[in-house]
Amino acid sequence: MVPRVARGPTPYWMLPLGGAALLLLLISVAAAQEPSGAACSQNTNRTCEECLKNVSCLWCNTNKACLDYPVKNVLPPASLCKLSSARWGVCWGLFKEENPYARFENN
């Protein structure tokens, strides 16, 4: 019989790792649901919701363009789409650029 060892609280660094692993799992599941070869540009001039069905797409409200998300950047560059007009993941959010801490708001 193996003796029981008392365990303390979960180490602080493990909490973000668990969240990151869950996020990666959800993204991979969502990507598997989208038919392969579905180009983001096919949804240009449609709706944000149609564009963002593909998790690798970015919607730009300014010109109603559905673009491939620039995965090399955390946030899309202004040359691609103004940050306050860019949507990824959800259509209802608004990213406020004028705030020095760049908070995310629901609208």
N, C-alpha and C. Protein backbone atom coordinates (compact mmCIF):
# COMPACT_ATOMS: atom_id res chain seq x y z
N MET A 1 0.83 -1.17 0.00
CA MET A 1 0.00 0.00 0.00
C MET A 1 0.89 1.25 0.00
N VAL A 2 0.55 2.20 -0.83
CA VAL A 2 1.35 3.43 -0.96
C VAL A 2 0.87 4.43 0.08
N PRO A 3 1.79 5.01 0.84
CA PRO A 3 1.36 6.00 1.84
C PRO A 3 0.84 7.27 1.15
N ARG A 4 -0.13 7.88 1.75
CA ARG A 4 -0.71 9.12 1.23
C ARG A 4 0.19 10.29 1.62
N VAL A 5 0.37 11.18 0.67
CA VAL A 5 1.18 12.36 0.91
C VAL A 5 0.25 13.57 0.92
N ALA A 6 0.36 14.37 1.95
CA ALA A 6 -0.47 15.57 2.02
C ALA A 6 -0.01 16.54 0.93
N ARG A 7 -0.96 17.07 0.20
CA ARG A 7 -0.65 18.03 -0.86
C ARG A 7 -1.19 19.39 -0.48
N GLY A 8 -0.42 20.39 -0.83
CA GLY A 8 -0.82 21.76 -0.56
C GLY A 8 -1.64 22.31 -1.72
N PRO A 9 -1.82 23.60 -1.76
CA PRO A 9 -2.57 24.23 -2.85
C PRO A 9 -1.82 24.08 -4.18
N THR A 10 -2.54 24.18 -5.27
CA THR A 10 -1.95 24.09 -6.60
C THR A 10 -0.94 25.22 -6.78
N PRO A 11 0.25 24.89 -7.27
CA PRO A 11 1.24 25.96 -7.50
C PRO A 11 0.68 27.02 -8.44
N TYR A 12 1.05 28.26 -8.17
CA TYR A 12 0.53 29.40 -8.94
C TYR A 12 0.79 29.27 -10.43
N TRP A 13 1.95 28.78 -10.83
CA TRP A 13 2.31 28.71 -12.24
C TRP A 13 1.50 27.66 -12.99
N MET A 14 0.91 26.69 -12.30
CA MET A 14 0.15 25.65 -13.00
C MET A 14 -1.23 26.14 -13.43
N LEU A 15 -1.78 27.16 -12.77
CA LEU A 15 -3.10 27.65 -13.14
C LEU A 15 -3.13 28.23 -14.55
N PRO A 16 -2.20 29.11 -14.94
CA PRO A 16 -2.20 29.61 -16.31
C PRO A 16 -1.94 28.51 -17.34
N LEU A 17 -1.12 27.54 -16.98
CA LEU A 17 -0.84 26.44 -17.91
C LEU A 17 -2.11 25.65 -18.22
N GLY A 18 -2.92 25.41 -17.21
CA GLY A 18 -4.18 24.70 -17.41
C GLY A 18 -5.12 25.48 -18.31
N GLY A 19 -5.20 26.79 -18.11
CA GLY A 19 -6.04 27.65 -18.95
C GLY A 19 -5.56 27.67 -20.38
N ALA A 20 -4.25 27.75 -20.56
CA ALA A 20 -3.68 27.77 -21.92
C ALA A 20 -3.93 26.44 -22.63
N ALA A 21 -3.81 25.35 -21.91
CA ALA A 21 -4.06 24.04 -22.52
C ALA A 21 -5.51 23.91 -22.94
N LEU A 22 -6.43 24.40 -22.12
CA LEU A 22 -7.85 24.36 -22.46
C LEU A 22 -8.13 25.21 -23.69
N LEU A 23 -7.54 26.40 -23.76
CA LEU A 23 -7.73 27.27 -24.90
C LEU A 23 -7.24 26.61 -26.19
N LEU A 24 -6.06 26.01 -26.14
CA LEU A 24 -5.52 25.32 -27.32
C LEU A 24 -6.41 24.15 -27.74
N LEU A 25 -6.95 23.44 -26.78
CA LEU A 25 -7.85 22.34 -27.09
C LEU A 25 -9.11 22.85 -27.77
N LEU A 26 -9.70 23.92 -27.25
CA LEU A 26 -10.91 24.48 -27.85
C LEU A 26 -10.66 24.99 -29.26
N ILE A 27 -9.53 25.63 -29.47
CA ILE A 27 -9.20 26.14 -30.81
C ILE A 27 -9.03 24.99 -31.79
N SER A 28 -8.35 23.92 -31.37
CA SER A 28 -8.14 22.81 -32.29
C SER A 28 -9.45 22.10 -32.61
N VAL A 29 -10.36 22.00 -31.64
CA VAL A 29 -11.66 21.38 -31.89
C VAL A 29 -12.47 22.25 -32.84
N ALA A 30 -12.47 23.55 -32.63
CA ALA A 30 -13.20 24.46 -33.52
C ALA A 30 -12.62 24.43 -34.92
N ALA A 31 -11.31 24.36 -35.04
CA ALA A 31 -10.68 24.32 -36.36
C ALA A 31 -11.03 23.03 -37.09
N ALA A 32 -11.18 21.94 -36.36
CA ALA A 32 -11.54 20.67 -36.97
C ALA A 32 -12.97 20.70 -37.51
N GLN A 33 -13.83 21.54 -36.95
CA GLN A 33 -15.21 21.62 -37.40
C GLN A 33 -15.35 22.39 -38.70
N GLU A 34 -14.39 23.24 -39.02
CA GLU A 34 -14.44 24.04 -40.24
C GLU A 34 -13.90 23.21 -41.39
N PRO A 35 -14.62 23.14 -42.53
CA PRO A 35 -14.12 22.36 -43.65
C PRO A 35 -12.77 22.90 -44.10
N SER A 36 -11.85 21.97 -44.40
CA SER A 36 -10.52 22.40 -44.82
C SER A 36 -10.60 23.07 -46.18
N GLY A 37 -9.73 24.03 -46.39
CA GLY A 37 -9.70 24.74 -47.66
C GLY A 37 -10.67 25.89 -47.73
N ALA A 38 -11.40 26.17 -46.65
CA ALA A 38 -12.34 27.29 -46.66
C ALA A 38 -11.54 28.58 -46.47
N ALA A 39 -11.35 29.31 -47.54
CA ALA A 39 -10.57 30.54 -47.49
C ALA A 39 -11.37 31.65 -46.83
N CYS A 40 -10.68 32.45 -46.03
CA CYS A 40 -11.34 33.56 -45.34
C CYS A 40 -11.93 34.54 -46.35
N SER A 41 -11.21 34.78 -47.43
CA SER A 41 -11.65 35.78 -48.42
C SER A 41 -13.00 35.45 -49.04
N GLN A 42 -13.43 34.19 -48.97
CA GLN A 42 -14.75 33.80 -49.50
C GLN A 42 -15.88 34.51 -48.76
N ASN A 43 -15.62 34.94 -47.53
CA ASN A 43 -16.65 35.58 -46.71
C ASN A 43 -16.55 37.10 -46.68
N THR A 44 -15.71 37.68 -47.53
CA THR A 44 -15.63 39.14 -47.63
C THR A 44 -16.97 39.66 -48.18
N ASN A 45 -17.41 40.79 -47.66
CA ASN A 45 -18.69 41.43 -48.02
C ASN A 45 -19.90 40.60 -47.60
N ARG A 46 -19.72 39.69 -46.65
CA ARG A 46 -20.85 38.95 -46.07
C ARG A 46 -21.07 39.50 -44.66
N THR A 47 -21.10 38.63 -43.66
CA THR A 47 -21.28 39.09 -42.27
C THR A 47 -20.10 38.66 -41.42
N CYS A 48 -19.94 39.34 -40.31
CA CYS A 48 -18.89 39.00 -39.35
C CYS A 48 -19.07 37.55 -38.87
N GLU A 49 -20.30 37.17 -38.58
CA GLU A 49 -20.58 35.83 -38.07
C GLU A 49 -20.15 34.76 -39.06
N GLU A 50 -20.44 34.98 -40.34
CA GLU A 50 -20.03 34.00 -41.36
C GLU A 50 -18.51 33.92 -41.44
N CYS A 51 -17.84 35.06 -41.38
CA CYS A 51 -16.39 35.10 -41.45
C CYS A 51 -15.76 34.34 -40.28
N LEU A 52 -16.24 34.59 -39.08
CA LEU A 52 -15.60 34.04 -37.89
C LEU A 52 -15.99 32.61 -37.58
N LYS A 53 -16.80 32.00 -38.44
CA LYS A 53 -17.03 30.56 -38.30
C LYS A 53 -15.72 29.81 -38.49
N ASN A 54 -14.84 30.38 -39.29
CA ASN A 54 -13.50 29.83 -39.47
C ASN A 54 -12.60 30.52 -38.45
N VAL A 55 -12.05 29.76 -37.51
CA VAL A 55 -11.28 30.35 -36.41
C VAL A 55 -9.96 30.97 -36.85
N SER A 56 -9.56 30.74 -38.08
CA SER A 56 -8.31 31.34 -38.55
C SER A 56 -8.55 32.66 -39.27
N CYS A 57 -9.79 33.16 -39.23
CA CYS A 57 -10.13 34.39 -39.94
C CYS A 57 -10.24 35.60 -38.99
N LEU A 58 -10.09 36.76 -39.59
CA LEU A 58 -10.21 38.05 -38.92
C LEU A 58 -11.21 38.87 -39.71
N TRP A 59 -12.17 39.51 -39.03
CA TRP A 59 -13.16 40.36 -39.69
C TRP A 59 -12.78 41.82 -39.49
N CYS A 60 -12.82 42.59 -40.56
CA CYS A 60 -12.55 44.02 -40.48
C CYS A 60 -13.84 44.77 -40.80
N ASN A 61 -14.41 45.44 -39.79
CA ASN A 61 -15.68 46.17 -39.98
C ASN A 61 -15.56 47.33 -40.96
N THR A 62 -14.38 47.93 -41.03
CA THR A 62 -14.19 49.11 -41.87
C THR A 62 -14.56 48.85 -43.33
N ASN A 63 -14.03 47.76 -43.88
CA ASN A 63 -14.28 47.46 -45.29
C ASN A 63 -15.00 46.13 -45.51
N LYS A 64 -15.55 45.56 -44.44
CA LYS A 64 -16.28 44.28 -44.48
C LYS A 64 -15.46 43.18 -45.13
N ALA A 65 -14.18 43.15 -44.76
CA ALA A 65 -13.26 42.16 -45.31
C ALA A 65 -13.04 41.02 -44.32
N CYS A 66 -13.02 39.82 -44.84
CA CYS A 66 -12.69 38.63 -44.06
C CYS A 66 -11.28 38.23 -44.48
N LEU A 67 -10.34 38.28 -43.54
CA LEU A 67 -8.93 38.10 -43.85
C LEU A 67 -8.34 36.96 -43.03
N ASP A 68 -7.26 36.39 -43.52
CA ASP A 68 -6.53 35.40 -42.73
C ASP A 68 -5.88 36.11 -41.56
N TYR A 69 -6.07 35.56 -40.34
CA TYR A 69 -5.49 36.18 -39.16
C TYR A 69 -3.98 36.07 -39.24
N PRO A 70 -3.26 37.18 -39.01
CA PRO A 70 -1.79 37.14 -39.06
C PRO A 70 -1.22 36.47 -37.81
N VAL A 71 -1.03 35.16 -37.87
CA VAL A 71 -0.66 34.39 -36.68
C VAL A 71 0.71 34.75 -36.10
N LYS A 72 1.53 35.45 -36.85
CA LYS A 72 2.84 35.86 -36.34
C LYS A 72 2.72 37.02 -35.36
N ASN A 73 1.57 37.69 -35.33
CA ASN A 73 1.34 38.83 -34.44
C ASN A 73 0.29 38.46 -33.40
N VAL A 74 0.43 38.99 -32.19
CA VAL A 74 -0.59 38.78 -31.16
C VAL A 74 -1.83 39.58 -31.54
N LEU A 75 -1.64 40.83 -31.93
CA LEU A 75 -2.74 41.68 -32.39
C LEU A 75 -2.51 42.00 -33.86
N PRO A 76 -3.58 42.11 -34.64
CA PRO A 76 -3.40 42.41 -36.05
C PRO A 76 -2.79 43.80 -36.24
N PRO A 77 -1.89 43.95 -37.21
CA PRO A 77 -1.28 45.27 -37.44
C PRO A 77 -2.28 46.25 -38.04
N ALA A 78 -2.08 47.54 -37.79
CA ALA A 78 -2.97 48.58 -38.30
C ALA A 78 -2.98 48.60 -39.83
N SER A 79 -1.91 48.14 -40.46
CA SER A 79 -1.88 48.10 -41.92
C SER A 79 -2.88 47.09 -42.48
N LEU A 80 -3.25 46.11 -41.68
CA LEU A 80 -4.23 45.11 -42.10
C LEU A 80 -5.65 45.60 -41.82
N CYS A 81 -5.87 46.09 -40.61
CA CYS A 81 -7.19 46.59 -40.20
C CYS A 81 -7.01 47.40 -38.92
N LYS A 82 -7.68 48.54 -38.82
CA LYS A 82 -7.62 49.35 -37.61
C LYS A 82 -8.08 48.49 -36.43
N LEU A 83 -7.38 48.52 -35.34
CA LEU A 83 -7.65 47.63 -34.21
C LEU A 83 -9.08 47.76 -33.69
N SER A 84 -9.63 48.97 -33.65
CA SER A 84 -10.99 49.14 -33.15
C SER A 84 -12.04 48.56 -34.11
N SER A 85 -11.65 48.27 -35.35
CA SER A 85 -12.57 47.68 -36.33
C SER A 85 -12.35 46.18 -36.51
N ALA A 86 -11.28 45.66 -35.97
CA ALA A 86 -10.94 44.25 -36.14
C ALA A 86 -11.71 43.37 -35.15
N ARG A 87 -12.17 42.24 -35.64
CA ARG A 87 -12.86 41.25 -34.80
C ARG A 87 -12.26 39.89 -35.07
N TRP A 88 -11.99 39.15 -34.01
CA TRP A 88 -11.57 37.76 -34.15
C TRP A 88 -12.14 37.00 -32.97
N GLY A 89 -12.59 35.81 -33.22
CA GLY A 89 -13.21 35.00 -32.17
C GLY A 89 -14.68 35.32 -31.99
N VAL A 90 -15.03 36.58 -31.75
CA VAL A 90 -16.42 37.01 -31.57
C VAL A 90 -16.65 38.33 -32.30
N CYS A 91 -17.87 38.58 -32.68
CA CYS A 91 -18.20 39.80 -33.43
C CYS A 91 -18.63 40.96 -32.53
N TRP A 92 -19.00 40.68 -31.29
CA TRP A 92 -19.62 41.70 -30.45
C TRP A 92 -18.64 42.53 -29.65
N GLY A 93 -17.37 42.21 -29.65
CA GLY A 93 -16.41 42.95 -28.82
C GLY A 93 -15.92 44.21 -29.49
N LEU A 94 -15.42 45.13 -28.67
CA LEU A 94 -14.83 46.37 -29.18
C LEU A 94 -13.53 46.60 -28.44
N PHE A 95 -12.46 46.66 -29.18
CA PHE A 95 -11.14 46.87 -28.58
C PHE A 95 -10.85 48.36 -28.63
N LYS A 96 -10.69 48.97 -27.47
CA LYS A 96 -10.48 50.42 -27.37
C LYS A 96 -9.00 50.74 -27.45
N GLU A 97 -8.60 51.41 -28.55
CA GLU A 97 -7.19 51.77 -28.73
C GLU A 97 -6.78 52.97 -27.89
N GLU A 98 -7.70 53.90 -27.67
CA GLU A 98 -7.32 55.14 -27.00
C GLU A 98 -6.95 54.93 -25.53
N ASN A 99 -7.34 53.82 -24.95
CA ASN A 99 -6.99 53.51 -23.58
C ASN A 99 -5.54 53.02 -23.54
N PRO A 100 -4.69 53.60 -22.72
CA PRO A 100 -3.29 53.16 -22.69
C PRO A 100 -3.15 51.71 -22.23
N TYR A 101 -4.15 51.19 -21.54
CA TYR A 101 -4.11 49.80 -21.10
C TYR A 101 -4.93 48.91 -22.02
N ALA A 102 -5.51 49.47 -23.10
CA ALA A 102 -6.23 48.76 -24.15
C ALA A 102 -7.21 47.73 -23.59
N ARG A 103 -8.24 48.20 -22.96
CA ARG A 103 -9.22 47.28 -22.38
C ARG A 103 -10.18 46.79 -23.46
N PHE A 104 -10.83 45.66 -23.18
CA PHE A 104 -11.79 45.05 -24.10
C PHE A 104 -13.19 45.29 -23.55
N GLU A 105 -14.09 45.81 -24.36
CA GLU A 105 -15.44 46.11 -23.90
C GLU A 105 -16.48 45.41 -24.76
N ASN A 106 -17.63 45.11 -24.19
CA ASN A 106 -18.76 44.56 -24.93
C ASN A 106 -19.60 45.71 -25.46
N ASN A 107 -20.02 45.61 -26.67
CA ASN A 107 -20.94 46.60 -27.27
C ASN A 107 -22.00 45.89 -28.05
